[in-house]
C-alpha atoms as a PDB file:
ATOM      1  CA  UNK A   1      27.510  42.264  86.797  1.00  0.00           C
ATOM      2  CA  UNK A   2      29.131  42.591  90.157  1.00  0.00           C
ATOM      3  CA  UNK A   3      31.593  39.470  88.754  1.00  0.00           C
ATOM      4  CA  UNK A   4      32.513  41.143  85.706  1.00  0.00           C
ATOM      5  CA  UNK A   5      36.163  42.639  86.269  1.00  0.00           C
ATOM      6  CA  UNK A   6      35.907  45.945  85.034  1.00  0.00           C
ATOM      7  CA  UNK A   7      33.597  47.347  87.357  1.00  0.00           C
ATOM      8  CA  UNK A   8      35.583  46.607  90.449  1.00  0.00           C
ATOM      9  CA  UNK A   9      36.892  49.780  89.879  1.00  0.00           C
ATOM     10  CA  UNK A  10      36.718  52.944  92.038  1.00  0.00           C
ATOM     11  CA  UNK A  11      33.343  55.422  91.848  1.00  0.00           C
ATOM     12  CA  UNK A  12      35.081  58.806  90.684  1.00  0.00           C
ATOM     13  CA  UNK A  13      32.390  60.659  91.180  1.00  0.00           C
ATOM     14  CA  UNK A  14      32.009  62.482  94.114  1.00  0.00           C
ATOM     15  CA  UNK A  15      29.006  62.490  95.763  1.00  0.00           C
ATOM     16  CA  UNK A  16      28.390  66.169  97.548  1.00  0.00           C
ATOM     17  CA  UNK A  17      27.627  65.397 101.554  1.00  0.00           C
ATOM     18  CA  UNK A  18      27.479  68.524 103.315  1.00  0.00           C
ATOM     19  CA  UNK A  19      29.067  67.267 107.399  1.00  0.00           C
ATOM     20  CA  UNK A  20      32.228  66.009 105.322  1.00  0.00           C
ATOM     21  CA  UNK A  21      31.893  69.178 103.017  1.00  0.00           C
ATOM     22  CA  UNK A  22      31.831  71.634 106.677  1.00  0.00           C
ATOM     23  CA  UNK A  23      34.746  69.262 108.293  1.00  0.00           C
ATOM     24  CA  UNK A  24      36.493  69.720 105.244  1.00  0.00           C
ATOM     25  CA  UNK A  25      36.470  73.221 104.961  1.00  0.00           C
ATOM     26  CA  UNK A  26      37.177  73.844 108.704  1.00  0.00           C
ATOM     27  CA  UNK A  27      40.639  71.730 108.361  1.00  0.00           C
ATOM     28  CA  UNK A  28      41.533  73.871 106.176  1.00  0.00           C
ATOM     29  CA  UNK A  29      40.538  76.971 108.020  1.00  0.00           C
ATOM     30  CA  UNK A  30      42.798  75.514 111.116  1.00  0.00           C
ATOM     31  CA  UNK A  31      45.413  74.818 108.798  1.00  0.00           C
ATOM     32  CA  UNK A  32      45.678  77.717 107.141  1.00  0.00           C
ATOM     33  CA  UNK A  33      45.389  79.191 111.034  1.00  0.00           C
ATOM     34  CA  UNK A  34      48.496  77.680 111.768  1.00  0.00           C
ATOM     35  CA  UNK A  35      50.032  78.224 108.801  1.00  0.00           C
ATOM     36  CA  UNK A  36      49.802  81.976 109.601  1.00  0.00           C
ATOM     37  CA  UNK A  37      50.884  81.716 113.330  1.00  0.00           C
ATOM     38  CA  UNK A  38      54.220  79.282 111.983  1.00  0.00           C
ATOM     39  CA  UNK A  39      55.150  82.613 109.097  1.00  0.00           C
ATOM     40  CA  UNK A  40      54.984  85.316 112.135  1.00  0.00           C
ATOM     41  CA  UNK A  41      55.726  83.313 114.401  1.00  0.00           C
ATOM     42  CA  UNK A  42      59.563  83.041 112.047  1.00  0.00           C
ATOM     43  CA  UNK A  43      59.009  86.840 111.685  1.00  0.00           C
ATOM     44  CA  UNK A  44      59.411  88.062 115.173  1.00  0.00           C
ATOM     45  CA  UNK A  45      62.114  85.182 115.904  1.00  0.00           C
ATOM     46  CA  UNK A  46      63.917  86.918 112.621  1.00  0.00           C
ATOM     47  CA  UNK A  47      63.398  90.828 114.203  1.00  0.00           C
ATOM     48  CA  UNK A  48      64.263  89.323 117.762  1.00  0.00           C
ATOM     49  CA  UNK A  49      67.173  87.669 116.357  1.00  0.00           C
ATOM     50  CA  UNK A  50      68.612  91.009 114.024  1.00  0.00           C
ATOM     51  CA  UNK A  51      68.031  93.640 117.217  1.00  0.00           C
ATOM     52  CA  UNK A  52      69.784  90.309 120.025  1.00  0.00           C
ATOM     53  CA  UNK A  53      72.781  90.340 117.098  1.00  0.00           C
ATOM     54  CA  UNK A  54      72.795  95.079 116.350  1.00  0.00           C
ATOM     55  CA  UNK A  55      72.493  95.610 120.351  1.00  0.00           C
ATOM     56  CA  UNK A  56      75.558  92.684 121.003  1.00  0.00           C
ATOM     57  CA  UNK A  57      76.567  94.848 117.978  1.00  0.00           C
ATOM     58  CA  UNK A  58      77.314  97.713 119.468  1.00  0.00           C
ATOM     59  CA  UNK A  59      77.821  97.245 122.452  1.00  0.00           C
ATOM     60  CA  UNK A  60      80.890  95.354 121.608  1.00  0.00           C
ATOM     61  CA  UNK A  61      81.593  99.155 120.088  1.00  0.00           C
ATOM     62  CA  UNK A  62      81.062 101.280 122.610  1.00  0.00           C
ATOM     63  CA  UNK A  63      83.339  98.748 124.392  1.00  0.00           C
ATOM     64  CA  UNK A  64      86.158  99.005 121.668  1.00  0.00           C
ATOM     65  CA  UNK A  65      86.266 102.832 121.782  1.00  0.00           C
ATOM     66  CA  UNK A  66      86.162 103.013 125.565  1.00  0.00           C
ATOM     67  CA  UNK A  67      89.207 100.651 125.456  1.00  0.00           C
ATOM     68  CA  UNK A  68      91.043 102.539 123.136  1.00  0.00           C
ATOM     69  CA  UNK A  69      90.509 106.272 124.877  1.00  0.00           C
ATOM     70  CA  UNK A  70      91.390 103.980 127.837  1.00  0.00           C
ATOM     71  CA  UNK A  71      94.354 103.772 125.990  1.00  0.00           C
ATOM     72  CA  UNK A  72      95.350 106.656 124.966  1.00  0.00           C
ATOM     73  CA  UNK A  73      94.936 108.349 128.902  1.00  0.00           C
ATOM     74  CA  UNK A  74      97.310 105.660 129.940  1.00  0.00           C
ATOM     75  CA  UNK A  75      99.343 106.857 126.697  1.00  0.00           C
ATOM     76  CA  UNK A  76      99.429 110.442 127.453  1.00  0.00           C
ATOM     77  CA  UNK A  77     100.147 109.606 130.689  1.00  0.00           C
ATOM     78  CA  UNK A  78     103.248 107.771 130.373  1.00  0.00           C
ATOM     79  CA  UNK A  79     104.213 110.499 128.142  1.00  0.00           C
ATOM     80  CA  UNK A  80     104.041 113.003 131.352  1.00  0.00           C
ATOM     81  CA  UNK A  81     105.375 111.226 133.436  1.00  0.00           C
ATOM     82  CA  UNK A  82     108.257 111.056 131.175  1.00  0.00           C
ATOM     83  CA  UNK A  83     108.481 114.337 129.414  1.00  0.00           C
ATOM     84  CA  UNK A  84     107.863 115.817 133.190  1.00  0.00           C
ATOM     85  CA  UNK A  85     111.111 113.579 134.271  1.00  0.00           C
ATOM     86  CA  UNK A  86     113.050 115.240 130.776  1.00  0.00           C
ATOM     87  CA  UNK A  87     112.141 118.215 132.556  1.00  0.00           C
ATOM     88  CA  UNK A  88     113.417 118.018 135.706  1.00  0.00           C
ATOM     89  CA  UNK A  89     116.598 116.651 134.358  1.00  0.00           C
ATOM     90  CA  UNK A  90     117.557 119.725 131.047  1.00  0.00           C
ATOM     91  CA  UNK A  91     115.293 121.985 132.324  1.00  0.00           C
ATOM     92  CA  UNK A  92     112.893 122.342 129.829  1.00  0.00           C
ATOM     93  CA  UNK A  93     111.051 120.012 127.684  1.00  0.00           C
ATOM     94  CA  UNK A  94     111.996 118.728 124.246  1.00  0.00           C
ATOM     95  CA  UNK A  95     111.913 121.033 121.704  1.00  0.00           C
ATOM     96  CA  UNK A  96     109.636 120.322 118.454  1.00  0.00           C
ATOM     97  CA  UNK A  97     112.749 119.623 116.894  1.00  0.00           C
ATOM     98  CA  UNK A  98     113.186 117.026 119.489  1.00  0.00           C
ATOM     99  CA  UNK A  99     110.390 115.573 119.676  1.00  0.00           C
ATOM    100  CA  UNK A 100     109.125 112.893 121.393  1.00  0.00           C
ATOM    101  CA  UNK A 101     111.547 110.836 119.760  1.00  0.00           C
ATOM    102  CA  UNK A 102     114.288 112.521 123.097  1.00  0.00           C
ATOM    103  CA  UNK A 103     112.240 110.400 125.394  1.00  0.00           C
ATOM    104  CA  UNK A 104     112.991 107.596 123.852  1.00  0.00           C
ATOM    105  CA  UNK A 105     116.433 107.961 122.105  1.00  0.00           C
ATOM    106  CA  UNK A 106     118.910 110.683 122.454  1.00  0.00           C
ATOM    107  CA  UNK A 107     119.188 113.294 120.004  1.00  0.00           C
ATOM    108  CA  UNK A 108     122.487 114.079 118.744  1.00  0.00           C
ATOM    109  CA  UNK A 109     122.446 117.957 119.976  1.00  0.00           C
ATOM    110  CA  UNK A 110     121.486 117.228 124.164  1.00  0.00           C
ATOM    111  CA  UNK A 111     125.200 115.891 126.646  1.00  0.00           C
ATOM    112  CA  UNK A 112     124.110 114.253 129.749  1.00  0.00           C
ATOM    113  CA  UNK A 113     120.919 112.524 128.551  1.00  0.00           C
ATOM    114  CA  UNK A 114     119.849 109.896 131.147  1.00  0.00           C
ATOM    115  CA  UNK A 115     117.134 108.106 129.023  1.00  0.00           C
ATOM    116  CA  UNK A 116     115.325 106.500 128.450  1.00  0.00           C
ATOM    117  CA  UNK A 117     112.827 108.104 130.269  1.00  0.00           C
ATOM    118  CA  UNK A 118     109.470 106.293 128.433  1.00  0.00           C
ATOM    119  CA  UNK A 119     109.687 102.275 127.747  1.00  0.00           C
ATOM    120  CA  UNK A 120     108.438 102.155 123.866  1.00  0.00           C
ATOM    121  CA  UNK A 121     107.222 103.190 121.203  1.00  0.00           C
ATOM    122  CA  UNK A 122     103.608 104.995 121.679  1.00  0.00           C
ATOM    123  CA  UNK A 123     103.977 107.786 119.495  1.00  0.00           C
ATOM    124  CA  UNK A 124     100.956 106.162 117.805  1.00  0.00           C
ATOM    125  CA  UNK A 125      97.044 106.497 119.001  1.00  0.00           C
ATOM    126  CA  UNK A 126      95.569 103.970 118.643  1.00  0.00           C
ATOM    127  CA  UNK A 127      93.578 105.089 116.458  1.00  0.00           C
ATOM    128  CA  UNK A 128      97.190 104.574 113.932  1.00  0.00           C
ATOM    129  CA  UNK A 129      96.737 108.931 114.016  1.00  0.00           C
ATOM    130  CA  UNK A 130     100.496 110.028 115.278  1.00  0.00           C
ATOM    131  CA  UNK A 131     100.146 111.770 118.853  1.00  0.00           C
ATOM    132  CA  UNK A 132     100.214 115.828 117.833  1.00  0.00           C
ATOM    133  CA  UNK A 133     103.827 117.303 120.751  1.00  0.00           C
ATOM    134  CA  UNK A 134     104.050 121.514 120.190  1.00  0.00           C
ATOM    135  CA  UNK A 135     106.202 122.555 121.953  1.00  0.00           C
ATOM    136  CA  UNK A 136     107.172 126.316 122.666  1.00  0.00           C
ATOM    137  CA  UNK A 137     108.693 129.033 124.352  1.00  0.00           C
ATOM    138  CA  UNK A 138     112.028 126.944 123.037  1.00  0.00           C
ATOM    139  CA  UNK A 139     111.252 124.003 125.496  1.00  0.00           C
ATOM    140  CA  UNK A 140     109.986 125.988 128.472  1.00  0.00           C
ATOM    141  CA  UNK A 141     106.214 124.262 127.932  1.00  0.00           C
ATOM    142  CA  UNK A 142     104.446 121.952 125.580  1.00  0.00           C
ATOM    143  CA  UNK A 143     100.799 120.074 124.163  1.00  0.00           C
ATOM    144  CA  UNK A 144     100.692 116.756 123.581  1.00  0.00           C
ATOM    145  CA  UNK A 145      97.535 116.343 122.459  1.00  0.00           C
ATOM    146  CA  UNK A 146      95.499 113.590 119.812  1.00  0.00           C
ATOM    147  CA  UNK A 147      92.339 114.310 117.877  1.00  0.00           C
ATOM    148  CA  UNK A 148      90.201 110.433 118.645  1.00  0.00           C
ATOM    149  CA  UNK A 149      88.540 108.739 116.604  1.00  0.00           C
ATOM    150  CA  UNK A 150      87.266 111.399 113.887  1.00  0.00           C
ATOM    151  CA  UNK A 151      91.035 112.606 113.556  1.00  0.00           C
ATOM    152  CA  UNK A 152      92.641 115.203 112.783  1.00  0.00           C
ATOM    153  CA  UNK A 153      90.232 116.492 109.841  1.00  0.00           C
ATOM    154  CA  UNK A 154      87.145 116.837 112.652  1.00  0.00           C
ATOM    155  CA  UNK A 155      89.264 120.118 113.639  1.00  0.00           C
ATOM    156  CA  UNK A 156      89.812 119.050 117.674  1.00  0.00           C
ATOM    157  CA  UNK A 157      91.256 117.688 120.172  1.00  0.00           C
ATOM    158  CA  UNK A 158      89.649 114.850 121.834  1.00  0.00           C
ATOM    159  CA  UNK A 159      92.895 114.980 124.990  1.00  0.00           C
ATOM    160  CA  UNK A 160      95.653 116.195 125.907  1.00  0.00           C
ATOM    161  CA  UNK A 161      98.194 116.613 128.159  1.00  0.00           C
ATOM    162  CA  UNK A 162      99.590 120.341 128.873  1.00  0.00           C
ATOM    163  CA  UNK A 163     103.369 121.305 130.185  1.00  0.00           C
ATOM    164  CA  UNK A 164     103.539 120.833 133.815  1.00  0.00           C
ATOM    165  CA  UNK A 165     100.610 118.434 133.708  1.00  0.00           C
ATOM    166  CA  UNK A 166     100.646 114.319 135.328  1.00  0.00           C
ATOM    167  CA  UNK A 167      98.299 111.773 134.391  1.00  0.00           C
ATOM    168  CA  UNK A 168      95.678 114.072 136.581  1.00  0.00           C
ATOM    169  CA  UNK A 169      95.413 116.776 133.514  1.00  0.00           C
ATOM    170  CA  UNK A 170      94.179 114.362 130.946  1.00  0.00           C
ATOM    171  CA  UNK A 171      90.975 116.015 129.789  1.00  0.00           C
ATOM    172  CA  UNK A 172      88.714 115.801 126.414  1.00  0.00           C
ATOM    173  CA  UNK A 173      88.401 118.486 124.606  1.00  0.00           C
ATOM    174  CA  UNK A 174      85.815 119.962 123.410  1.00  0.00           C
END
């Protein structure tokens, strides 16, 4: 009978061998634990990557905010110096009507202008809003300020300089 070709097929019956079953179960448990460990590792790696990315983004946003504040302080200092030179020439600061433009271009109402008192146009603060210039007592004094990143809607001044000011008086206002 062994010579008959049809009987040479593998036996499809599964014989229960306890040692082989235990080895198979042990292998399946080991593979399951390895898969779970790999998934946990991937999750931890993803969370760590996201955390590092967010910290980097926050650091860049803070650095940009600090650069803008530094630029605003520098521009206010430039304006304060230019306004003091204007005051030395005319005995007054530009009126509210003349505004900060009187430092860069000669107003039609002003004879003997020796400007420009400031190089470049810094009329817009680093946040894209014009500096607020207020002259009082017909140019006897001024307040120059910026509302900062929150804008005028916040209702409070971020940085300001005022008459008699030099760069040392550029200070935040609460």
